[in-house]
Amino acid sequence: MYHRVAAPTWDPWNLCVSPEHFEQQLAALCRVADVVPLSALDWRLRAGRNGRPAVALTFDDGYADNLHVALPLLERYGLPATVFLATGWIDRPDPFWWDRLSEVVLSIQRLPSEVRLLVGDEELIWHRNRAGDDGRERDQLNLAVWSRLVAASDEKRAVALSQLQGYADCETRMDPATRPMTADEVRSLASSPLIEIGAHTMSHCSLHDLQPDEQFEEILGSRRQCRELTGEFPSSFAYPFGSLDAGTPELVRSAGFERACSTENDIVWDGGDKMLLPRVWVRDYSIREFSARFRLVWLP
């Protein structure tokens, strides 16, 4: 499971793998594994390993660098991948809200002793530990605000982020590369024979926090919007934040998907639930750590 191929100043969620490390990881996979499309993983597992494990690469959210940075490297090595789109964010000029949050927090050069934000009708009060490390405290503030915004509406998030901006020492400047794709970029990405497009809800919502009918609207809506963008219905789905309840997988199946990816940190076994495929989250590992994890942790 990947998200971005980039090297930002601050990456509190470990979403980014640098282009250098990503290429090294692809080269290592070519040497020791068979990289297959996600849609072919079921068949490949049933066919047996033949001495080499099967690996499927996925990207969540739909960042622009998936096209501009990741795809050329995938093409260089001839490796397929699935890109899951949060379709409601496509063509939006603003970054994903969690990236906006991180940039605002980063722009607060001197963390105050207290931060107060109104999220809907509830107030968030965060206190700094004066003896705490500044970097760790920044991480904690980012997480505290994220935890309250994850289930909020776009309107409530915008209000809270505007209030948080008031604590910043300067105007927040977003990295122009930190953005979702445009519709034209999605079509360009989908035109590659190496790329499968998957759905990731419309709003990138926490499905667990929604009623079943609201969940189904997000799931089915993203499938339909993927078709509008690419001309084809996607066969694969991924749960945003890994958030779901006991009934969510059946809603995904009834929307027409053949498989769905979770964020459970494990490898896929033949015979497992196709609506709850686990994935290994790949971070910005050096080639030495990546290779060691592949041999000793991911494939014991």
C-alpha atoms as a PDB file:
ATOM      1  CA  MET A   1       0.000   0.000   0.000  1.00  0.00           C
ATOM      2  CA  TYR A   2       1.440   3.289  -1.193  1.00  0.00           C
ATOM      3  CA  HIS A   3      -0.024   6.793  -1.231  1.00  0.00           C
ATOM      4  CA  ARG A   4       2.508   9.239  -2.653  1.00  0.00           C
ATOM      5  CA  VAL A   5       5.896   9.233  -4.344  1.00  0.00           C
ATOM      6  CA  ALA A   6       7.346  12.492  -3.086  1.00  0.00           C
ATOM      7  CA  ALA A   7       9.798  13.968  -0.573  1.00  0.00           C
ATOM      8  CA  PRO A   8       7.970  16.680   1.406  1.00  0.00           C
ATOM      9  CA  THR A   9       9.384  18.764   4.249  1.00  0.00           C
ATOM     10  CA  TRP A  10       7.158  17.086   6.824  1.00  0.00           C
ATOM     11  CA  ASP A  11       5.262  13.831   6.443  1.00  0.00           C
ATOM     12  CA  PRO A  12       3.437  13.164   9.748  1.00  0.00           C
ATOM     13  CA  TRP A  13       1.382  10.281   8.340  1.00  0.00           C
ATOM     14  CA  ASN A  14       4.263   8.551   6.541  1.00  0.00           C
ATOM     15  CA  LEU A  15       2.335   8.750   3.260  1.00  0.00           C
ATOM     16  CA  CYS A  16       5.357   9.511   1.100  1.00  0.00           C
ATOM     17  CA  VAL A  17       8.102   7.398  -0.397  1.00  0.00           C
ATOM     18  CA  SER A  18      10.845   9.379  -2.083  1.00  0.00           C
ATOM     19  CA  PRO A  19      11.300   8.821  -5.829  1.00  0.00           C
ATOM     20  CA  GLU A  20      14.787   7.414  -5.166  1.00  0.00           C
ATOM     21  CA  HIS A  21      13.556   4.873  -2.615  1.00  0.00           C
ATOM     22  CA  PHE A  22      10.495   4.006  -4.697  1.00  0.00           C
ATOM     23  CA  GLU A  23      12.638   3.117  -7.698  1.00  0.00           C
ATOM     24  CA  GLN A  24      14.935   1.036  -5.513  1.00  0.00           C
ATOM     25  CA  GLN A  25      11.917  -0.788  -4.083  1.00  0.00           C
ATOM     26  CA  LEU A  26      10.573  -1.534  -7.560  1.00  0.00           C
ATOM     27  CA  ALA A  27      13.938  -2.857  -8.681  1.00  0.00           C
ATOM     28  CA  ALA A  28      14.098  -5.106  -5.618  1.00  0.00           C
ATOM     29  CA  LEU A  29      10.591  -6.448  -6.256  1.00  0.00           C
ATOM     30  CA  CYS A  30      11.537  -7.326  -9.826  1.00  0.00           C
ATOM     31  CA  ARG A  31      14.372  -9.469  -8.534  1.00  0.00           C
ATOM     32  CA  VAL A  32      12.450 -11.474  -5.942  1.00  0.00           C
ATOM     33  CA  ALA A  33       8.713 -11.378  -6.772  1.00  0.00           C
ATOM     34  CA  ASP A  34       6.127 -11.486  -9.545  1.00  0.00           C
ATOM     35  CA  VAL A  35       4.315  -8.149  -9.553  1.00  0.00           C
ATOM     36  CA  VAL A  36       0.787  -8.720 -10.847  1.00  0.00           C
ATOM     37  CA  PRO A  37      -2.359  -6.606 -11.265  1.00  0.00           C
ATOM     38  CA  LEU A  38      -4.593  -6.607  -8.201  1.00  0.00           C
ATOM     39  CA  SER A  39      -7.375  -8.084 -10.325  1.00  0.00           C
ATOM     40  CA  ALA A  40      -5.104 -11.075 -11.088  1.00  0.00           C
ATOM     41  CA  LEU A  41      -3.954 -11.668  -7.531  1.00  0.00           C
ATOM     42  CA  ASP A  42      -6.684 -14.223  -6.731  1.00  0.00           C
ATOM     43  CA  TRP A  43      -5.734 -16.380  -9.703  1.00  0.00           C
ATOM     44  CA  ARG A  44      -2.022 -15.983  -9.019  1.00  0.00           C
ATOM     45  CA  LEU A  45      -2.428 -17.162  -5.420  1.00  0.00           C
ATOM     46  CA  ARG A  46      -4.386 -20.208  -6.520  1.00  0.00           C
ATOM     47  CA  ALA A  47      -1.739 -21.013  -9.132  1.00  0.00           C
ATOM     48  CA  GLY A  48       0.932 -21.293  -6.452  1.00  0.00           C
ATOM     49  CA  ARG A  49       4.150 -19.406  -5.792  1.00  0.00           C
ATOM     50  CA  ASN A  50       6.582 -21.331  -8.008  1.00  0.00           C
ATOM     51  CA  GLY A  51       9.335 -20.093  -5.748  1.00  0.00           C
ATOM     52  CA  ARG A  52       8.422 -16.411  -6.147  1.00  0.00           C
ATOM     53  CA  PRO A  53       5.734 -14.553  -4.178  1.00  0.00           C
ATOM     54  CA  ALA A  54       3.051 -12.596  -6.010  1.00  0.00           C
ATOM     55  CA  VAL A  55       2.819  -8.896  -5.178  1.00  0.00           C
ATOM     56  CA  ALA A  56       0.155  -6.351  -6.125  1.00  0.00           C
ATOM     57  CA  LEU A  57       0.929  -2.629  -5.832  1.00  0.00           C
ATOM     58  CA  THR A  58      -1.776  -0.162  -4.785  1.00  0.00           C
ATOM     59  CA  PHE A  59      -1.957   3.604  -4.317  1.00  0.00           C
ATOM     60  CA  ASP A  60      -4.660   5.258  -2.219  1.00  0.00           C
ATOM     61  CA  ASP A  61      -6.387   8.629  -2.655  1.00  0.00           C
ATOM     62  CA  GLY A  62      -5.407   9.807  -6.155  1.00  0.00           C
ATOM     63  CA  TYR A  63      -2.486  12.188  -5.716  1.00  0.00           C
ATOM     64  CA  ALA A  64      -1.131  13.919  -8.814  1.00  0.00           C
ATOM     65  CA  ASP A  65       2.336  12.470  -8.238  1.00  0.00           C
ATOM     66  CA  ASN A  66       0.902   9.007  -8.927  1.00  0.00           C
ATOM     67  CA  LEU A  67       0.801  10.115 -12.573  1.00  0.00           C
ATOM     68  CA  HIS A  68       3.780  12.432 -12.802  1.00  0.00           C
ATOM     69  CA  VAL A  69       6.317  10.577 -10.627  1.00  0.00           C
ATOM     70  CA  ALA A  70       5.142   7.029  -9.897  1.00  0.00           C
ATOM     71  CA  LEU A  71       3.883   6.058 -13.357  1.00  0.00           C
ATOM     72  CA  PRO A  72       7.159   6.757 -15.242  1.00  0.00           C
ATOM     73  CA  LEU A  73       8.988   4.555 -12.727  1.00  0.00           C
ATOM     74  CA  LEU A  74       6.368   1.813 -12.982  1.00  0.00           C
ATOM     75  CA  GLU A  75       6.713   1.978 -16.768  1.00  0.00           C
ATOM     76  CA  ARG A  76      10.490   1.780 -16.531  1.00  0.00           C
ATOM     77  CA  TYR A  77      10.182  -1.575 -14.777  1.00  0.00           C
ATOM     78  CA  GLY A  78       6.974  -2.691 -16.513  1.00  0.00           C
ATOM     79  CA  LEU A  79       5.101  -3.118 -13.226  1.00  0.00           C
ATOM     80  CA  PRO A  80       1.289  -2.834 -12.882  1.00  0.00           C
ATOM     81  CA  ALA A  81      -0.503  -0.986 -10.083  1.00  0.00           C
ATOM     82  CA  THR A  82      -4.001  -0.073  -8.921  1.00  0.00           C
ATOM     83  CA  VAL A  83      -4.821   3.539  -8.020  1.00  0.00           C
ATOM     84  CA  PHE A  84      -7.813   4.065  -5.733  1.00  0.00           C
ATOM     85  CA  LEU A  85      -9.546   7.401  -6.309  1.00  0.00           C
ATOM     86  CA  ALA A  86     -11.443   9.488  -3.787  1.00  0.00           C
ATOM     87  CA  THR A  87     -13.514  10.684  -6.726  1.00  0.00           C
ATOM     88  CA  GLY A  88     -15.109  13.729  -5.101  1.00  0.00           C
ATOM     89  CA  TRP A  89     -11.664  15.303  -4.758  1.00  0.00           C
ATOM     90  CA  ILE A  90     -10.770  14.979  -8.425  1.00  0.00           C
ATOM     91  CA  ASP A  91     -10.539  18.407 -10.094  1.00  0.00           C
ATOM     92  CA  ARG A  92     -10.670  20.234  -6.763  1.00  0.00           C
ATOM     93  CA  PRO A  93      -8.074  23.019  -6.576  1.00  0.00           C
ATOM     94  CA  ASP A  94      -7.521  22.567  -2.845  1.00  0.00           C
ATOM     95  CA  PRO A  95      -5.403  19.796  -1.291  1.00  0.00           C
ATOM     96  CA  PHE A  96      -6.844  16.915   0.708  1.00  0.00           C
ATOM     97  CA  TRP A  97      -7.958  18.253   4.064  1.00  0.00           C
ATOM     98  CA  TRP A  98      -5.392  16.239   6.074  1.00  0.00           C
ATOM     99  CA  ASP A  99      -2.595  17.742   3.980  1.00  0.00           C
ATOM    100  CA  ARG A 100      -4.017  21.216   4.547  1.00  0.00           C
ATOM    101  CA  LEU A 101      -4.106  20.469   8.280  1.00  0.00           C
ATOM    102  CA  SER A 102      -0.478  19.348   8.336  1.00  0.00           C
ATOM    103  CA  GLU A 103       0.686  22.416   6.431  1.00  0.00           C
ATOM    104  CA  VAL A 104      -1.161  24.735   8.828  1.00  0.00           C
ATOM    105  CA  VAL A 105       0.315  22.964  11.850  1.00  0.00           C
ATOM    106  CA  LEU A 106       3.780  23.200  10.269  1.00  0.00           C
ATOM    107  CA  SER A 107       3.327  26.950   9.732  1.00  0.00           C
ATOM    108  CA  ILE A 108       2.867  27.465  13.496  1.00  0.00           C
ATOM    109  CA  GLN A 109       6.498  28.169  14.262  1.00  0.00           C
ATOM    110  CA  ARG A 110       6.008  28.546  18.024  1.00  0.00           C
ATOM    111  CA  LEU A 111       3.400  26.202  19.384  1.00  0.00           C
ATOM    112  CA  PRO A 112       1.147  27.973  21.896  1.00  0.00           C
ATOM    113  CA  SER A 113       0.459  26.556  25.329  1.00  0.00           C
ATOM    114  CA  GLU A 114      -3.183  26.061  24.337  1.00  0.00           C
ATOM    115  CA  VAL A 115      -5.143  25.704  21.100  1.00  0.00           C
ATOM    116  CA  ARG A 116      -8.934  26.083  21.004  1.00  0.00           C
ATOM    117  CA  LEU A 117     -10.965  25.162  17.929  1.00  0.00           C
ATOM    118  CA  LEU A 118     -14.684  24.878  17.318  1.00  0.00           C
ATOM    119  CA  VAL A 119     -15.605  21.726  15.369  1.00  0.00           C
ATOM    120  CA  GLY A 120     -19.321  22.022  14.767  1.00  0.00           C
ATOM    121  CA  ASP A 121     -20.938  22.509  18.170  1.00  0.00           C
ATOM    122  CA  GLU A 122     -18.029  21.017  20.101  1.00  0.00           C
ATOM    123  CA  GLU A 123     -14.839  22.706  21.221  1.00  0.00           C
ATOM    124  CA  LEU A 124     -11.447  21.088  20.893  1.00  0.00           C
ATOM    125  CA  ILE A 125      -8.954  22.195  23.539  1.00  0.00           C
ATOM    126  CA  TRP A 126      -5.357  21.071  23.160  1.00  0.00           C
ATOM    127  CA  HIS A 127      -2.688  21.786  25.784  1.00  0.00           C
ATOM    128  CA  ARG A 128       1.005  21.707  25.136  1.00  0.00           C
ATOM    129  CA  ASN A 129       3.318  19.840  27.460  1.00  0.00           C
ATOM    130  CA  ARG A 130       5.881  22.522  28.216  1.00  0.00           C
ATOM    131  CA  ALA A 131       8.552  19.920  28.830  1.00  0.00           C
ATOM    132  CA  GLY A 132       7.775  18.108  25.596  1.00  0.00           C
ATOM    133  CA  ASP A 133       9.891  17.976  22.460  1.00  0.00           C
ATOM    134  CA  ASP A 134       8.697  20.515  19.883  1.00  0.00           C
ATOM    135  CA  GLY A 135       8.565  17.983  17.048  1.00  0.00           C
ATOM    136  CA  ARG A 136       6.638  15.472  19.120  1.00  0.00           C
ATOM    137  CA  GLU A 137       4.247  18.162  20.337  1.00  0.00           C
ATOM    138  CA  ARG A 138       3.598  19.195  16.731  1.00  0.00           C
ATOM    139  CA  ASP A 139       2.789  15.595  15.872  1.00  0.00           C
ATOM    140  CA  GLN A 140       0.409  15.410  18.827  1.00  0.00           C
ATOM    141  CA  LEU A 141      -1.390  18.625  17.845  1.00  0.00           C
ATOM    142  CA  ASN A 142      -1.743  17.367  14.283  1.00  0.00           C
ATOM    143  CA  LEU A 143      -3.186  14.060  15.499  1.00  0.00           C
ATOM    144  CA  ALA A 144      -5.549  15.710  17.995  1.00  0.00           C
ATOM    145  CA  VAL A 145      -7.079  17.955  15.344  1.00  0.00           C
ATOM    146  CA  TRP A 146      -7.186  15.164  12.745  1.00  0.00           C
ATOM    147  CA  SER A 147      -9.044  12.908  15.174  1.00  0.00           C
ATOM    148  CA  ARG A 148     -11.797  15.495  15.523  1.00  0.00           C
ATOM    149  CA  LEU A 149     -11.975  16.419  11.834  1.00  0.00           C
ATOM    150  CA  VAL A 150     -12.017  12.909  10.364  1.00  0.00           C
ATOM    151  CA  ALA A 151     -15.779  12.509  10.875  1.00  0.00           C
ATOM    152  CA  ALA A 152     -16.668  16.182  10.304  1.00  0.00           C
ATOM    153  CA  SER A 153     -18.217  17.729   7.206  1.00  0.00           C
ATOM    154  CA  ASP A 154     -16.209  19.790   4.723  1.00  0.00           C
ATOM    155  CA  GLU A 155     -17.857  22.943   6.087  1.00  0.00           C
ATOM    156  CA  LYS A 156     -16.930  22.177   9.699  1.00  0.00           C
ATOM    157  CA  ARG A 157     -13.395  21.272   8.690  1.00  0.00           C
ATOM    158  CA  ALA A 158     -13.002  24.541   6.805  1.00  0.00           C
ATOM    159  CA  VAL A 159     -14.108  26.546   9.852  1.00  0.00           C
ATOM    160  CA  ALA A 160     -11.778  24.657  12.185  1.00  0.00           C
ATOM    161  CA  LEU A 161      -8.811  24.967   9.831  1.00  0.00           C
ATOM    162  CA  SER A 162      -9.457  28.690   9.449  1.00  0.00           C
ATOM    163  CA  GLN A 163      -9.366  29.022  13.230  1.00  0.00           C
ATOM    164  CA  LEU A 164      -6.167  26.990  13.409  1.00  0.00           C
ATOM    165  CA  GLN A 165      -4.632  29.253  10.769  1.00  0.00           C
ATOM    166  CA  GLY A 166      -5.019  32.084  13.271  1.00  0.00           C
ATOM    167  CA  TYR A 167      -2.307  30.463  15.385  1.00  0.00           C
ATOM    168  CA  ALA A 168       0.154  30.392  12.492  1.00  0.00           C
ATOM    169  CA  ASP A 169       3.090  32.782  12.374  1.00  0.00           C
ATOM    170  CA  CYS A 170       2.805  33.170   8.604  1.00  0.00           C
ATOM    171  CA  GLU A 171       0.440  32.427   5.764  1.00  0.00           C
ATOM    172  CA  THR A 172       0.369  28.739   4.955  1.00  0.00           C
ATOM    173  CA  ARG A 173       1.915  27.914   1.589  1.00  0.00           C
ATOM    174  CA  MET A 174       0.929  24.561   0.208  1.00  0.00           C
ATOM    175  CA  ASP A 175       3.362  22.563  -1.868  1.00  0.00           C
ATOM    176  CA  PRO A 176       1.770  22.696  -5.360  1.00  0.00           C
ATOM    177  CA  ALA A 177       2.631  19.007  -5.818  1.00  0.00           C
ATOM    178  CA  THR A 178       0.463  18.059  -2.833  1.00  0.00           C
ATOM    179  CA  ARG A 179      -2.873  17.840  -4.581  1.00  0.00           C
ATOM    180  CA  PRO A 180      -5.382  15.415  -6.059  1.00  0.00           C
ATOM    181  CA  MET A 181      -5.370  14.710  -9.774  1.00  0.00           C
ATOM    182  CA  THR A 182      -7.510  16.549 -12.268  1.00  0.00           C
ATOM    183  CA  ALA A 183      -9.966  14.639 -14.441  1.00  0.00           C
ATOM    184  CA  ASP A 184      -7.588  14.938 -17.409  1.00  0.00           C
ATOM    185  CA  GLU A 185      -4.763  13.533 -15.296  1.00  0.00           C
ATOM    186  CA  VAL A 186      -6.944  10.611 -14.209  1.00  0.00           C
ATOM    187  CA  ARG A 187      -7.722   9.821 -17.831  1.00  0.00           C
ATOM    188  CA  SER A 188      -4.042  10.049 -18.726  1.00  0.00           C
ATOM    189  CA  LEU A 189      -3.152   7.696 -15.881  1.00  0.00           C
ATOM    190  CA  ALA A 190      -5.943   5.255 -16.749  1.00  0.00           C
ATOM    191  CA  SER A 191      -4.789   5.123 -20.377  1.00  0.00           C
ATOM    192  CA  SER A 192      -1.637   3.286 -19.304  1.00  0.00           C
ATOM    193  CA  PRO A 193      -1.968  -0.493 -19.759  1.00  0.00           C
ATOM    194  CA  LEU A 194      -0.193  -0.898 -16.430  1.00  0.00           C
ATOM    195  CA  ILE A 195      -2.808   0.967 -14.388  1.00  0.00           C
ATOM    196  CA  GLU A 196      -6.114  -0.201 -12.961  1.00  0.00           C
ATOM    197  CA  ILE A 197      -8.390   2.426 -11.440  1.00  0.00           C
ATOM    198  CA  GLY A 198     -10.196   1.561  -8.217  1.00  0.00           C
ATOM    199  CA  ALA A 199     -12.749   3.406  -6.070  1.00  0.00           C
ATOM    200  CA  HIS A 200     -12.113   4.946  -2.643  1.00  0.00           C
ATOM    201  CA  THR A 201     -15.504   6.557  -1.864  1.00  0.00           C
ATOM    202  CA  MET A 202     -16.400  10.016  -3.106  1.00  0.00           C
ATOM    203  CA  SER A 203     -15.422  12.194  -0.140  1.00  0.00           C
ATOM    204  CA  HIS A 204     -12.750   9.966   1.439  1.00  0.00           C
ATOM    205  CA  CYS A 205     -15.027   9.545   4.440  1.00  0.00           C
ATOM    206  CA  SER A 206     -14.805   7.374   7.520  1.00  0.00           C
ATOM    207  CA  LEU A 207     -17.423   4.796   6.549  1.00  0.00           C
ATOM    208  CA  HIS A 208     -17.703   3.509  10.111  1.00  0.00           C
ATOM    209  CA  ASP A 209     -19.152   6.893  11.141  1.00  0.00           C
ATOM    210  CA  LEU A 210     -21.937   6.797   8.523  1.00  0.00           C
ATOM    211  CA  GLN A 211     -25.326   5.116   8.417  1.00  0.00           C
ATOM    212  CA  PRO A 212     -25.643   2.157   5.994  1.00  0.00           C
ATOM    213  CA  ASP A 213     -27.537   4.184   3.396  1.00  0.00           C
ATOM    214  CA  GLU A 214     -24.912   6.934   3.569  1.00  0.00           C
ATOM    215  CA  GLN A 215     -22.144   4.366   3.238  1.00  0.00           C
ATOM    216  CA  PHE A 216     -23.774   2.823   0.186  1.00  0.00           C
ATOM    217  CA  GLU A 217     -24.173   6.252  -1.427  1.00  0.00           C
ATOM    218  CA  GLU A 218     -20.453   6.943  -0.972  1.00  0.00           C
ATOM    219  CA  ILE A 219     -19.434   3.487  -2.222  1.00  0.00           C
ATOM    220  CA  LEU A 220     -21.748   3.287  -5.230  1.00  0.00           C
ATOM    221  CA  GLY A 221     -21.227   6.954  -6.070  1.00  0.00           C
ATOM    222  CA  SER A 222     -17.479   6.517  -6.301  1.00  0.00           C
ATOM    223  CA  ARG A 223     -17.920   3.500  -8.579  1.00  0.00           C
ATOM    224  CA  ARG A 224     -20.136   5.501 -10.916  1.00  0.00           C
ATOM    225  CA  GLN A 225     -17.802   8.495 -10.893  1.00  0.00           C
ATOM    226  CA  CYS A 226     -14.846   6.266 -11.741  1.00  0.00           C
ATOM    227  CA  ARG A 227     -16.774   5.138 -14.804  1.00  0.00           C
ATOM    228  CA  GLU A 228     -17.534   8.748 -15.745  1.00  0.00           C
ATOM    229  CA  LEU A 229     -13.824   9.543 -15.497  1.00  0.00           C
ATOM    230  CA  THR A 230     -12.407   6.503 -17.280  1.00  0.00           C
ATOM    231  CA  GLY A 231     -15.265   4.911 -19.217  1.00  0.00           C
ATOM    232  CA  GLU A 232     -15.081   1.695 -17.170  1.00  0.00           C
ATOM    233  CA  PHE A 233     -16.529   0.507 -13.889  1.00  0.00           C
ATOM    234  CA  PRO A 234     -13.795  -0.336 -11.362  1.00  0.00           C
ATOM    235  CA  SER A 235     -13.677  -3.848  -9.955  1.00  0.00           C
ATOM    236  CA  SER A 236     -11.720  -2.965  -6.801  1.00  0.00           C
ATOM    237  CA  PHE A 237     -12.453  -0.773  -3.780  1.00  0.00           C
ATOM    238  CA  ALA A 238     -10.368   0.439  -0.829  1.00  0.00           C
ATOM    239  CA  TYR A 239     -11.717   1.579   2.551  1.00  0.00           C
ATOM    240  CA  PRO A 240     -10.580   5.124   3.417  1.00  0.00           C
ATOM    241  CA  PHE A 241      -8.604   5.148   6.674  1.00  0.00           C
ATOM    242  CA  GLY A 242      -9.348   1.416   6.830  1.00  0.00           C
ATOM    243  CA  SER A 243     -12.651   2.457   8.417  1.00  0.00           C
ATOM    244  CA  LEU A 244     -15.600   0.068   8.165  1.00  0.00           C
ATOM    245  CA  ASP A 245     -18.172  -1.752  10.262  1.00  0.00           C
ATOM    246  CA  ALA A 246     -19.479  -5.311  10.132  1.00  0.00           C
ATOM    247  CA  GLY A 247     -21.929  -4.511   7.326  1.00  0.00           C
ATOM    248  CA  THR A 248     -19.661  -2.432   5.094  1.00  0.00           C
ATOM    249  CA  PRO A 249     -18.070  -5.308   3.112  1.00  0.00           C
ATOM    250  CA  GLU A 250     -21.494  -6.539   2.000  1.00  0.00           C
ATOM    251  CA  LEU A 251     -22.412  -3.019   0.885  1.00  0.00           C
ATOM    252  CA  VAL A 252     -19.216  -2.954  -1.206  1.00  0.00           C
ATOM    253  CA  ARG A 253     -20.096  -6.317  -2.738  1.00  0.00           C
ATOM    254  CA  SER A 254     -23.672  -5.258  -3.494  1.00  0.00           C
ATOM    255  CA  ALA A 255     -22.381  -2.102  -5.213  1.00  0.00           C
ATOM    256  CA  GLY A 256     -20.718  -4.356  -7.803  1.00  0.00           C
ATOM    257  CA  PHE A 257     -17.125  -4.641  -6.592  1.00  0.00           C
ATOM    258  CA  GLU A 258     -15.258  -7.930  -6.819  1.00  0.00           C
ATOM    259  CA  ARG A 259     -12.720  -7.173  -4.093  1.00  0.00           C
ATOM    260  CA  ALA A 260     -11.887  -4.576  -1.456  1.00  0.00           C
ATOM    261  CA  CYS A 261      -8.659  -3.620   0.297  1.00  0.00           C
ATOM    262  CA  SER A 262      -8.369  -2.844   3.974  1.00  0.00           C
ATOM    263  CA  THR A 263      -5.443  -1.339   5.883  1.00  0.00           C
ATOM    264  CA  GLU A 264      -4.859  -4.417   8.019  1.00  0.00           C
ATOM    265  CA  ASN A 265      -1.100  -4.904   8.028  1.00  0.00           C
ATOM    266  CA  ASP A 266      -0.743  -8.446   6.721  1.00  0.00           C
ATOM    267  CA  ILE A 267      -0.183 -10.414   3.535  1.00  0.00           C
ATOM    268  CA  VAL A 268      -2.969 -11.958   1.454  1.00  0.00           C
ATOM    269  CA  TRP A 269      -3.626 -15.684   1.728  1.00  0.00           C
ATOM    270  CA  ASP A 270      -5.539 -17.820  -0.741  1.00  0.00           C
ATOM    271  CA  GLY A 271      -9.065 -18.384   0.540  1.00  0.00           C
ATOM    272  CA  GLY A 272      -9.243 -15.133   2.517  1.00  0.00           C
ATOM    273  CA  ASP A 273     -12.200 -12.753   2.361  1.00  0.00           C
ATOM    274  CA  LYS A 274     -11.916 -10.863  -0.943  1.00  0.00           C
ATOM    275  CA  MET A 275     -13.785  -7.927   0.635  1.00  0.00           C
ATOM    276  CA  LEU A 276     -11.164  -7.600   3.370  1.00  0.00           C
ATOM    277  CA  LEU A 277      -7.815  -7.942   1.617  1.00  0.00           C
ATOM    278  CA  PRO A 278      -4.989  -6.890   3.952  1.00  0.00           C
ATOM    279  CA  ARG A 279      -2.111  -4.744   2.737  1.00  0.00           C
ATOM    280  CA  VAL A 280       1.413  -3.978   3.870  1.00  0.00           C
ATOM    281  CA  TRP A 281       1.940  -0.231   4.272  1.00  0.00           C
ATOM    282  CA  VAL A 282       5.220   0.678   2.577  1.00  0.00           C
ATOM    283  CA  ARG A 283       6.973   3.684   4.086  1.00  0.00           C
ATOM    284  CA  ASP A 284      10.032   5.610   2.939  1.00  0.00           C
ATOM    285  CA  TYR A 285      12.285   2.637   3.542  1.00  0.00           C
ATOM    286  CA  SER A 286      15.841   2.520   2.333  1.00  0.00           C
ATOM    287  CA  ILE A 287      16.547  -0.419   0.047  1.00  0.00           C
ATOM    288  CA  ARG A 288      18.321  -2.195   2.900  1.00  0.00           C
ATOM    289  CA  GLU A 289      15.326  -1.935   5.245  1.00  0.00           C
ATOM    290  CA  PHE A 290      12.836  -2.689   2.477  1.00  0.00           C
ATOM    291  CA  SER A 291      14.675  -5.858   1.475  1.00  0.00           C
ATOM    292  CA  ALA A 292      15.026  -6.976   5.083  1.00  0.00           C
ATOM    293  CA  ARG A 293      11.339  -6.446   5.758  1.00  0.00           C
ATOM    294  CA  PHE A 294      10.381  -8.287   2.600  1.00  0.00           C
ATOM    295  CA  ARG A 295      12.466 -11.325   3.496  1.00  0.00           C
ATOM    296  CA  LEU A 296      12.031 -11.465   7.264  1.00  0.00           C
ATOM    297  CA  VAL A 297       8.747  -9.752   8.110  1.00  0.00           C
ATOM    298  CA  TRP A 298       6.359  -9.650   5.172  1.00  0.00           C
ATOM    299  CA  LEU A 299       7.153 -13.094   3.815  1.00  0.00           C
ATOM    300  CA  PRO A 300       8.336 -15.219   6.769  1.00  0.00           C
END
